[in-house]
Amino acid sequence: MYQIYRHTLVDDESIIKEFANEGVNGFVYNIDTLKNAKGVVVLSFVQGKSGKINE
């Protein structure tokens, strides 16, 4: 089996503020929440993997 997802903890305040300013995709009510966060977990996926090894 493949682990096709990754959890990344971001605790750098400047990166979190960048997420707040540029990464909310119009969900403006999330801006203040992000700006006050001490950490943000980013969930990402490995492209081209299905989670199962074909034998």
PDB file of N, CA and C in Angstrom:
ATOM      1  N   MET A   1       0.840  -1.194   0.000  1.00  0.00           N
ATOM      2  CA  MET A   1       0.000   0.000   0.000  1.00  0.00           C
ATOM      3  C   MET A   1       0.882   1.253   0.000  1.00  0.00           C
ATOM      4  N   TYR A   2       0.394   2.269  -0.657  1.00  0.00           N
ATOM      5  CA  TYR A   2       1.057   3.563  -0.657  1.00  0.00           C
ATOM      6  C   TYR A   2       0.350   4.494   0.323  1.00  0.00           C
ATOM      7  N   GLN A   3       1.100   5.332   0.979  1.00  0.00           N
ATOM      8  CA  GLN A   3       0.488   6.429   1.717  1.00  0.00           C
ATOM      9  C   GLN A   3       0.476   7.598   0.750  1.00  0.00           C
ATOM     10  N   ILE A   4      -0.694   7.859   0.168  1.00  0.00           N
ATOM     11  CA  ILE A   4      -0.777   8.849  -0.904  1.00  0.00           C
ATOM     12  C   ILE A   4      -1.008  10.264  -0.388  1.00  0.00           C
ATOM     13  N   TYR A   5      -1.186  10.411   0.903  1.00  0.00           N
ATOM     14  CA  TYR A   5      -1.394  11.750   1.437  1.00  0.00           C
ATOM     15  C   TYR A   5      -0.273  12.112   2.406  1.00  0.00           C
ATOM     16  N   ARG A   6      -0.072  13.399   2.548  1.00  0.00           N
ATOM     17  CA  ARG A   6       0.973  13.916   3.429  1.00  0.00           C
ATOM     18  C   ARG A   6       0.369  14.988   4.320  1.00  0.00           C
ATOM     19  N   HIS A   7       0.747  14.989   5.578  1.00  0.00           N
ATOM     20  CA  HIS A   7       0.383  16.060   6.507  1.00  0.00           C
ATOM     21  C   HIS A   7       1.654  16.871   6.771  1.00  0.00           C
ATOM     22  N   THR A   8       1.571  18.171   6.585  1.00  0.00           N
ATOM     23  CA  THR A   8       2.703  19.037   6.846  1.00  0.00           C
ATOM     24  C   THR A   8       2.259  20.116   7.834  1.00  0.00           C
ATOM     25  N   LEU A   9       2.964  20.218   8.949  1.00  0.00           N
ATOM     26  CA  LEU A   9       2.657  21.252   9.930  1.00  0.00           C
ATOM     27  C   LEU A   9       3.487  22.488   9.619  1.00  0.00           C
ATOM     28  N   VAL A  10       2.798  23.596   9.409  1.00  0.00           N
ATOM     29  CA  VAL A  10       3.462  24.870   9.147  1.00  0.00           C
ATOM     30  C   VAL A  10       3.323  25.716  10.406  1.00  0.00           C
ATOM     31  N   ASP A  11       4.461  26.114  10.982  1.00  0.00           N
ATOM     32  CA  ASP A  11       4.416  26.965  12.175  1.00  0.00           C
ATOM     33  C   ASP A  11       5.187  28.268  11.989  1.00  0.00           C
ATOM     34  N   ASP A  12       5.602  28.533  10.778  1.00  0.00           N
ATOM     35  CA  ASP A  12       6.291  29.781  10.447  1.00  0.00           C
ATOM     36  C   ASP A  12       5.228  30.877  10.255  1.00  0.00           C
ATOM     37  N   GLU A  13       5.268  31.900  11.123  1.00  0.00           N
ATOM     38  CA  GLU A  13       4.233  32.934  11.107  1.00  0.00           C
ATOM     39  C   GLU A  13       4.131  33.663   9.772  1.00  0.00           C
ATOM     40  N   SER A  14       5.255  33.877   9.093  1.00  0.00           N
ATOM     41  CA  SER A  14       5.203  34.591   7.812  1.00  0.00           C
ATOM     42  C   SER A  14       4.508  33.754   6.735  1.00  0.00           C
ATOM     43  N   ILE A  15       4.708  32.453   6.754  1.00  0.00           N
ATOM     44  CA  ILE A  15       4.037  31.574   5.783  1.00  0.00           C
ATOM     45  C   ILE A  15       2.548  31.491   6.093  1.00  0.00           C
ATOM     46  N   ILE A  16       2.200  31.409   7.372  1.00  0.00           N
ATOM     47  CA  ILE A  16       0.783  31.367   7.754  1.00  0.00           C
ATOM     48  C   ILE A  16       0.089  32.656   7.318  1.00  0.00           C
ATOM     49  N   LYS A  17       0.749  33.794   7.486  1.00  0.00           N
ATOM     50  CA  LYS A  17       0.161  35.064   7.042  1.00  0.00           C
ATOM     51  C   LYS A  17       0.015  35.095   5.523  1.00  0.00           C
ATOM     52  N   GLU A  18       0.959  34.481   4.818  1.00  0.00           N
ATOM     53  CA  GLU A  18       0.842  34.382   3.357  1.00  0.00           C
ATOM     54  C   GLU A  18      -0.366  33.534   2.978  1.00  0.00           C
ATOM     55  N   PHE A  19      -0.565  32.418   3.687  1.00  0.00           N
ATOM     56  CA  PHE A  19      -1.780  31.610   3.463  1.00  0.00           C
ATOM     57  C   PHE A  19      -3.025  32.467   3.672  1.00  0.00           C
ATOM     58  N   ALA A  20      -3.033  33.250   4.751  1.00  0.00           N
ATOM     59  CA  ALA A  20      -4.198  34.075   5.073  1.00  0.00           C
ATOM     60  C   ALA A  20      -4.463  35.113   3.990  1.00  0.00           C
ATOM     61  N   ASN A  21      -3.398  35.707   3.466  1.00  0.00           N
ATOM     62  CA  ASN A  21      -3.562  36.779   2.485  1.00  0.00           C
ATOM     63  C   ASN A  21      -3.802  36.278   1.071  1.00  0.00           C
ATOM     64  N   GLU A  22      -3.281  35.092   0.732  1.00  0.00           N
ATOM     65  CA  GLU A  22      -3.339  34.653  -0.665  1.00  0.00           C
ATOM     66  C   GLU A  22      -3.969  33.281  -0.889  1.00  0.00           C
ATOM     67  N   GLY A  23      -4.277  32.553   0.180  1.00  0.00           N
ATOM     68  CA  GLY A  23      -4.699  31.175  -0.021  1.00  0.00           C
ATOM     69  C   GLY A  23      -6.083  30.810   0.466  1.00  0.00           C
ATOM     70  N   VAL A  24      -6.954  31.778   0.682  1.00  0.00           N
ATOM     71  CA  VAL A  24      -8.266  31.439   1.232  1.00  0.00           C
ATOM     72  C   VAL A  24      -9.348  31.277   0.164  1.00  0.00           C
ATOM     73  N   ASN A  25      -9.009  31.478  -1.098  1.00  0.00           N
ATOM     74  CA  ASN A  25      -9.936  31.255  -2.218  1.00  0.00           C
ATOM     75  C   ASN A  25     -11.310  31.890  -2.005  1.00  0.00           C
ATOM     76  N   GLY A  26     -11.340  33.116  -1.529  1.00  0.00           N
ATOM     77  CA  GLY A  26     -12.604  33.819  -1.359  1.00  0.00           C
ATOM     78  C   GLY A  26     -13.304  33.562  -0.035  1.00  0.00           C
ATOM     79  N   PHE A  27     -12.803  32.670   0.785  1.00  0.00           N
ATOM     80  CA  PHE A  27     -13.400  32.401   2.088  1.00  0.00           C
ATOM     81  C   PHE A  27     -12.832  33.401   3.093  1.00  0.00           C
ATOM     82  N   VAL A  28     -13.269  34.648   2.984  1.00  0.00           N
ATOM     83  CA  VAL A  28     -12.670  35.743   3.743  1.00  0.00           C
ATOM     84  C   VAL A  28     -12.815  35.579   5.253  1.00  0.00           C
ATOM     85  N   TYR A  29     -13.822  34.831   5.694  1.00  0.00           N
ATOM     86  CA  TYR A  29     -13.991  34.626   7.137  1.00  0.00           C
ATOM     87  C   TYR A  29     -12.861  33.778   7.726  1.00  0.00           C
ATOM     88  N   ASN A  30     -12.053  33.130   6.882  1.00  0.00           N
ATOM     89  CA  ASN A  30     -10.913  32.346   7.368  1.00  0.00           C
ATOM     90  C   ASN A  30      -9.651  33.183   7.575  1.00  0.00           C
ATOM     91  N   ILE A  31      -9.619  34.390   7.065  1.00  0.00           N
ATOM     92  CA  ILE A  31      -8.407  35.206   7.125  1.00  0.00           C
ATOM     93  C   ILE A  31      -7.978  35.475   8.565  1.00  0.00           C
ATOM     94  N   ASP A  32      -8.895  35.965   9.402  1.00  0.00           N
ATOM     95  CA  ASP A  32      -8.537  36.273  10.793  1.00  0.00           C
ATOM     96  C   ASP A  32      -8.152  35.012  11.560  1.00  0.00           C
ATOM     97  N   THR A  33      -8.845  33.913  11.294  1.00  0.00           N
ATOM     98  CA  THR A  33      -8.518  32.650  11.954  1.00  0.00           C
ATOM     99  C   THR A  33      -7.086  32.249  11.628  1.00  0.00           C
ATOM    100  N   LEU A  34      -6.708  32.327  10.362  1.00  0.00           N
ATOM    101  CA  LEU A  34      -5.349  31.971   9.963  1.00  0.00           C
ATOM    102  C   LEU A  34      -4.313  32.934  10.537  1.00  0.00           C
ATOM    103  N   LYS A  35      -4.604  34.217  10.504  1.00  0.00           N
ATOM    104  CA  LYS A  35      -3.632  35.192  11.011  1.00  0.00           C
ATOM    105  C   LYS A  35      -3.338  34.995  12.493  1.00  0.00           C
ATOM    106  N   ASN A  36      -4.280  34.430  13.237  1.00  0.00           N
ATOM    107  CA  ASN A  36      -4.096  34.199  14.671  1.00  0.00           C
ATOM    108  C   ASN A  36      -3.633  32.782  14.994  1.00  0.00           C
ATOM    109  N   ALA A  37      -3.481  31.936  13.982  1.00  0.00           N
ATOM    110  CA  ALA A  37      -3.097  30.535  14.211  1.00  0.00           C
ATOM    111  C   ALA A  37      -1.620  30.414  14.563  1.00  0.00           C
ATOM    112  N   LYS A  38      -1.309  29.517  15.467  1.00  0.00           N
ATOM    113  CA  LYS A  38       0.082  29.214  15.830  1.00  0.00           C
ATOM    114  C   LYS A  38       0.656  28.124  14.932  1.00  0.00           C
ATOM    115  N   GLY A  39      -0.232  27.375  14.271  1.00  0.00           N
ATOM    116  CA  GLY A  39       0.192  26.322  13.355  1.00  0.00           C
ATOM    117  C   GLY A  39      -0.944  25.973  12.418  1.00  0.00           C
ATOM    118  N   VAL A  40      -0.602  25.522  11.235  1.00  0.00           N
ATOM    119  CA  VAL A  40      -1.583  25.123  10.229  1.00  0.00           C
ATOM    120  C   VAL A  40      -1.138  23.783   9.658  1.00  0.00           C
ATOM    121  N   VAL A  41      -2.058  22.836   9.573  1.00  0.00           N
ATOM    122  CA  VAL A  41      -1.753  21.554   8.955  1.00  0.00           C
ATOM    123  C   VAL A  41      -2.204  21.613   7.496  1.00  0.00           C
ATOM    124  N   VAL A  42      -1.267  21.301   6.601  1.00  0.00           N
ATOM    125  CA  VAL A  42      -1.554  21.289   5.170  1.00  0.00           C
ATOM    126  C   VAL A  42      -1.641  19.832   4.739  1.00  0.00           C
ATOM    127  N   LEU A  43      -2.744  19.470   4.103  1.00  0.00           N
ATOM    128  CA  LEU A  43      -2.944  18.118   3.599  1.00  0.00           C
ATOM    129  C   LEU A  43      -2.677  18.127   2.102  1.00  0.00           C
ATOM    130  N   SER A  44      -1.783  17.256   1.656  1.00  0.00           N
ATOM    131  CA  SER A  44      -1.469  17.165   0.228  1.00  0.00           C
ATOM    132  C   SER A  44      -1.463  15.699  -0.194  1.00  0.00           C
ATOM    133  N   PHE A  45      -1.511  15.477  -1.492  1.00  0.00           N
ATOM    134  CA  PHE A  45      -1.577  14.127  -2.038  1.00  0.00           C
ATOM    135  C   PHE A  45      -0.474  13.904  -3.057  1.00  0.00           C
ATOM    136  N   VAL A  46      -0.028  12.662  -3.175  1.00  0.00           N
ATOM    137  CA  VAL A  46       0.990  12.292  -4.146  1.00  0.00           C
ATOM    138  C   VAL A  46       0.274  11.989  -5.460  1.00  0.00           C
ATOM    139  N   GLN A  47       0.561  12.769  -6.475  1.00  0.00           N
ATOM    140  CA  GLN A  47      -0.092  12.616  -7.769  1.00  0.00           C
ATOM    141  C   GLN A  47       0.328  11.310  -8.436  1.00  0.00           C
ATOM    142  N   GLY A  48      -0.640  10.627  -9.038  1.00  0.00           N
ATOM    143  CA  GLY A  48      -0.349   9.428  -9.809  1.00  0.00           C
ATOM    144  C   GLY A  48      -0.318   8.144  -9.000  1.00  0.00           C
ATOM    145  N   LYS A  49      -0.643   8.200  -7.726  1.00  0.00           N
ATOM    146  CA  LYS A  49      -0.674   6.979  -6.894  1.00  0.00           C
ATOM    147  C   LYS A  49      -2.108   6.759  -6.437  1.00  0.00           C
ATOM    148  N   SER A  50      -2.528   5.516  -6.420  1.00  0.00           N
ATOM    149  CA  SER A  50      -3.901   5.213  -6.064  1.00  0.00           C
ATOM    150  C   SER A  50      -4.051   4.705  -4.650  1.00  0.00           C
ATOM    151  N   GLY A  51      -2.961   4.347  -4.003  1.00  0.00           N
ATOM    152  CA  GLY A  51      -3.045   3.803  -2.667  1.00  0.00           C
ATOM    153  C   GLY A  51      -2.943   2.288  -2.641  1.00  0.00           C
ATOM    154  N   LYS A  52      -2.851   1.652  -3.802  1.00  0.00           N
ATOM    155  CA  LYS A  52      -2.763   0.196  -3.858  1.00  0.00           C
ATOM    156  C   LYS A  52      -1.703  -0.200  -4.862  1.00  0.00           C
ATOM    157  N   ILE A  53      -0.887  -1.175  -4.486  1.00  0.00           N
ATOM    158  CA  ILE A  53       0.130  -1.690  -5.386  1.00  0.00           C
ATOM    159  C   ILE A  53      -0.504  -2.742  -6.298  1.00  0.00           C
ATOM    160  N   ASN A  54      -0.328  -2.582  -7.582  1.00  0.00           N
ATOM    161  CA  ASN A  54      -0.842  -3.573  -8.527  1.00  0.00           C
ATOM    162  C   ASN A  54       0.165  -4.726  -8.613  1.00  0.00           C
ATOM    163  N   GLU A  55      -0.293  -5.913  -8.338  1.00  0.00           N
ATOM    164  CA  GLU A  55       0.609  -7.078  -8.358  1.00  0.00           C
ATOM    165  C   GLU A  55       0.409  -7.908  -9.592  1.00  0.00           C
TER     166      GLU A  55
END
